[in-house]
């Protein structure tokens, strides 16, 4: 599970600016669509096997060394996902608890054979290996945060896990990197694409960087 590839937004993008991705390679692009994303429809294509499911995972950290934590997480995710894709890295303003350092955020996509609970357990194990411990301040600083955002078109609502992630649609720091790798993915509850959800909330508090995961 190590066939990774990276899509970058543009060759000349500078830190502190946001772009919305190169036009997707669609056979019949809709001229009414203002923005499309890189790798727009990989999740609609056949996976490595009929049993594989496409997933999106959010990555975040605001405790140093932030870049190292994200790069290590991306490396570990390659062992969990087939054909992984990674967004660029964005620096973001804390949304719920402003009295803390700024975050680095990104998203990863790919195919998995793990069920939702098993994949969640694997992500929690990676967080623990990075030094994160249960408890602590809600929405507070963290060594590593790995959120299971979407799992195919499945809806899960249990005490341990909710899919889609319940706050996905309100978070620019999730939607901006997510639209880069899966802008056309339709939220199974809201019936809107990730592109459309980002149009609703905007990009306030999110800044591009020169950092790439691969």
Protein backbone atom coordinates (compact mmCIF):
# COMPACT_ATOMS: atom_id res chain seq x y z
CA UNK A 1 0.00 0.00 0.00
CA UNK A 2 2.64 2.45 -1.04
CA UNK A 3 1.60 3.79 -4.42
CA UNK A 4 1.32 7.42 -3.40
CA UNK A 5 1.13 10.42 -5.63
CA UNK A 6 0.78 14.12 -4.93
CA UNK A 7 -1.24 16.77 -6.65
CA UNK A 8 -0.10 20.36 -6.15
CA UNK A 9 -2.37 23.35 -6.65
CA UNK A 10 -0.07 25.36 -8.87
CA UNK A 11 3.60 25.71 -9.62
CA UNK A 12 3.76 29.43 -8.86
CA UNK A 13 1.54 29.66 -5.81
CA UNK A 14 3.03 31.67 -2.96
CA UNK A 15 2.45 31.29 0.79
CA UNK A 16 -0.50 33.22 2.11
CA UNK A 17 -2.57 32.92 -1.07
CA UNK A 18 -5.38 30.52 -1.82
CA UNK A 19 -6.17 28.95 -5.14
CA UNK A 20 -8.86 26.40 -5.85
CA UNK A 21 -6.98 23.83 -7.92
CA UNK A 22 -6.32 23.10 -11.56
CA UNK A 23 -9.35 22.28 -13.70
CA UNK A 24 -10.24 18.64 -13.35
CA UNK A 25 -9.76 16.36 -16.33
CA UNK A 26 -13.45 15.78 -16.96
CA UNK A 27 -14.75 14.40 -20.24
CA UNK A 28 -17.65 16.86 -20.32
CA UNK A 29 -16.95 19.65 -17.83
CA UNK A 30 -19.96 21.65 -16.75
CA UNK A 31 -19.37 25.26 -17.87
CA UNK A 32 -21.48 26.45 -14.92
CA UNK A 33 -18.97 25.03 -12.46
CA UNK A 34 -16.68 27.86 -11.44
CA UNK A 35 -14.18 25.80 -9.48
CA UNK A 36 -13.05 22.22 -9.76
CA UNK A 37 -10.34 20.35 -7.93
CA UNK A 38 -7.27 18.33 -8.70
CA UNK A 39 -7.97 14.60 -8.79
CA UNK A 40 -11.64 15.51 -8.96
CA UNK A 41 -13.13 12.08 -9.53
CA UNK A 42 -10.60 9.46 -8.38
CA UNK A 43 -13.10 8.26 -5.76
CA UNK A 44 -15.68 7.56 -8.46
CA UNK A 45 -13.34 5.23 -10.31
CA UNK A 46 -13.03 1.49 -9.54
CA UNK A 47 -10.83 0.83 -6.53
CA UNK A 48 -8.04 -1.74 -6.32
CA UNK A 49 -10.71 -4.37 -5.60
CA UNK A 50 -14.50 -4.48 -5.21
CA UNK A 51 -14.02 -4.62 -1.44
CA UNK A 52 -12.02 -1.39 -1.22
CA UNK A 53 -13.80 1.78 -0.08
CA UNK A 54 -12.70 5.38 -0.70
CA UNK A 55 -12.01 7.48 2.38
CA UNK A 56 -10.94 11.01 3.30
CA UNK A 57 -8.87 11.67 6.42
CA UNK A 58 -8.13 15.09 7.90
CA UNK A 59 -4.70 15.80 9.39
CA UNK A 60 -3.90 18.56 11.87
CA UNK A 61 -1.31 19.64 14.43
CA UNK A 62 -0.37 22.82 16.26
CA UNK A 63 2.44 21.65 18.55
CA UNK A 64 6.01 21.73 17.34
CA UNK A 65 7.53 20.17 15.38
CA UNK A 66 4.35 20.58 13.33
CA UNK A 67 5.78 19.81 9.91
CA UNK A 68 7.54 16.70 11.18
CA UNK A 69 4.33 15.43 12.77
CA UNK A 70 2.39 15.81 9.51
CA UNK A 71 5.09 14.16 7.42
CA UNK A 72 5.31 11.20 9.79
CA UNK A 73 1.54 10.84 9.75
CA UNK A 74 1.49 10.90 5.94
CA UNK A 75 4.12 8.17 5.85
CA UNK A 76 2.11 6.02 8.25
CA UNK A 77 -1.11 6.58 6.29
CA UNK A 78 0.53 5.00 3.25
CA UNK A 79 0.46 1.71 5.16
CA UNK A 80 -3.30 2.06 5.73
CA UNK A 81 -4.41 3.35 2.32
CA UNK A 82 -4.00 2.10 -1.22
CA UNK A 83 -3.28 4.71 -3.90
CA UNK A 84 -3.12 7.58 -1.38
CA UNK A 85 -3.42 11.21 -2.47
CA UNK A 86 -2.45 14.18 -0.32
CA UNK A 87 -3.48 17.81 -0.37
CA UNK A 88 -1.02 20.59 0.17
CA UNK A 89 -0.54 21.85 3.72
CA UNK A 90 -2.36 24.94 5.01
CA UNK A 91 -1.74 27.08 8.06
CA UNK A 92 -5.01 27.81 9.83
CA UNK A 93 -6.33 29.96 12.63
CA UNK A 94 -7.78 28.00 15.59
CA UNK A 95 -11.53 28.01 15.06
CA UNK A 96 -13.07 27.17 18.41
CA UNK A 97 -10.39 28.03 20.97
CA UNK A 98 -8.27 30.97 19.78
CA UNK A 99 -5.86 30.95 22.75
CA UNK A 100 -3.40 28.51 21.19
CA UNK A 101 -0.87 28.26 18.34
CA UNK A 102 -1.93 28.14 14.70
CA UNK A 103 -2.48 24.77 13.08
CA UNK A 104 -1.09 23.03 10.06
CA UNK A 105 -3.84 21.12 8.25
CA UNK A 106 -4.06 18.81 5.26
CA UNK A 107 -6.22 16.00 3.91
CA UNK A 108 -5.44 12.53 2.64
CA UNK A 109 -7.58 10.32 0.45
CA UNK A 110 -7.29 6.74 -0.68
CA UNK A 111 -8.77 3.26 -0.65
CA UNK A 112 -9.06 0.95 2.35
CA UNK A 113 -10.13 -2.58 3.18
CA UNK A 114 -10.59 -1.68 6.83
CA UNK A 115 -14.09 -1.13 8.15
CA UNK A 116 -14.88 2.24 9.78
CA UNK A 117 -14.25 1.10 13.40
CA UNK A 118 -11.00 -0.61 12.44
CA UNK A 119 -9.78 2.40 10.49
CA UNK A 120 -10.68 4.72 13.37
CA UNK A 121 -8.72 2.49 15.74
CA UNK A 122 -5.69 2.62 13.47
CA UNK A 123 -5.89 6.44 13.32
CA UNK A 124 -6.13 6.67 17.10
CA UNK A 125 -3.05 4.47 17.38
CA UNK A 126 -1.13 6.86 15.13
CA UNK A 127 -2.24 9.81 17.27
CA UNK A 128 -1.03 8.02 20.41
CA UNK A 129 2.30 7.21 18.78
CA UNK A 130 2.72 10.94 18.06
CA UNK A 131 2.28 11.70 21.76
CA UNK A 132 -1.40 12.56 21.98
CA UNK A 133 -3.15 11.37 25.11
CA UNK A 134 -6.89 10.97 25.83
CA UNK A 135 -8.62 13.85 27.57
CA UNK A 136 -7.23 17.36 27.67
CA UNK A 137 -8.74 20.64 26.61
CA UNK A 138 -11.59 20.37 24.12
CA UNK A 139 -10.43 21.80 20.79
CA UNK A 140 -7.11 22.54 22.48
CA UNK A 141 -3.51 22.08 21.31
CA UNK A 142 -2.57 18.65 20.01
CA UNK A 143 0.44 16.81 18.69
CA UNK A 144 -1.61 15.15 15.98
CA UNK A 145 -5.27 14.98 15.00
CA UNK A 146 -6.47 12.42 12.45
CA UNK A 147 -10.18 12.64 11.65
CA UNK A 148 -12.07 10.10 9.56
CA UNK A 149 -14.13 12.56 7.52
CA UNK A 150 -15.82 10.44 4.86
CA UNK A 151 -16.04 6.71 4.18
CA UNK A 152 -17.59 6.11 0.78
CA UNK A 153 -21.25 7.09 0.97
CA UNK A 154 -21.73 5.45 4.36
CA UNK A 155 -23.49 7.09 7.29
CA UNK A 156 -22.42 5.88 10.74
CA UNK A 157 -23.90 7.17 13.98
CA UNK A 158 -22.66 5.43 17.10
CA UNK A 159 -21.24 6.41 20.47
CA UNK A 160 -17.71 5.82 19.17
CA UNK A 161 -17.92 7.13 15.62
CA UNK A 162 -19.92 9.43 13.38
CA UNK A 163 -19.47 9.48 9.62
CA UNK A 164 -19.57 11.91 7.89
CA UNK A 165 -17.66 13.88 10.50
CA UNK A 166 -20.36 15.96 12.22
CA UNK A 167 -18.53 19.31 11.92
CA UNK A 168 -17.00 18.82 8.49
CA UNK A 169 -19.34 21.25 6.72
CA UNK A 170 -18.57 24.20 9.03
CA UNK A 171 -14.76 23.99 8.94
CA UNK A 172 -12.78 25.90 6.30
CA UNK A 173 -9.58 24.33 7.65
CA UNK A 174 -10.96 20.95 6.58
CA UNK A 175 -12.82 21.94 3.42
CA UNK A 176 -10.00 23.92 1.79
CA UNK A 177 -7.52 21.02 1.65
CA UNK A 178 -10.33 18.57 1.06
CA UNK A 179 -11.60 20.36 -2.04
CA UNK A 180 -8.11 20.06 -3.50
CA UNK A 181 -8.31 16.25 -3.64
CA UNK A 182 -12.05 15.53 -3.59
CA UNK A 183 -14.06 18.61 -4.49
CA UNK A 184 -16.72 16.60 -6.29
CA UNK A 185 -17.37 14.17 -3.44
CA UNK A 186 -21.04 14.44 -2.41
CA UNK A 187 -21.74 14.64 1.31
CA UNK A 188 -24.14 11.71 1.88
CA UNK A 189 -26.31 13.62 4.37
CA UNK A 190 -26.21 17.19 3.09
CA UNK A 191 -26.41 16.23 -0.59
CA UNK A 192 -23.86 18.88 -1.52
CA UNK A 193 -20.37 18.47 -2.92
CA UNK A 194 -17.29 19.50 -0.98
CA UNK A 195 -16.84 22.34 -3.50
CA UNK A 196 -20.34 23.58 -2.71
CA UNK A 197 -19.83 23.33 1.05
CA UNK A 198 -16.66 25.41 0.80
CA UNK A 199 -18.50 28.04 -1.24
CA UNK A 200 -20.93 28.39 1.67
CA UNK A 201 -18.37 28.88 4.44
CA UNK A 202 -15.51 30.60 2.62
CA UNK A 203 -11.79 30.39 3.32
CA UNK A 204 -11.39 32.78 6.24
CA UNK A 205 -8.52 31.84 8.55
CA UNK A 206 -6.83 29.52 6.05
CA UNK A 207 -3.50 30.35 4.40
CA UNK A 208 -1.55 28.35 1.83
CA UNK A 209 2.01 27.25 2.54
CA UNK A 210 4.85 25.84 0.49
CA UNK A 211 4.62 22.51 2.32
CA UNK A 212 3.62 19.33 0.49
CA UNK A 213 2.94 15.84 1.74
CA UNK A 214 3.95 12.87 -0.36
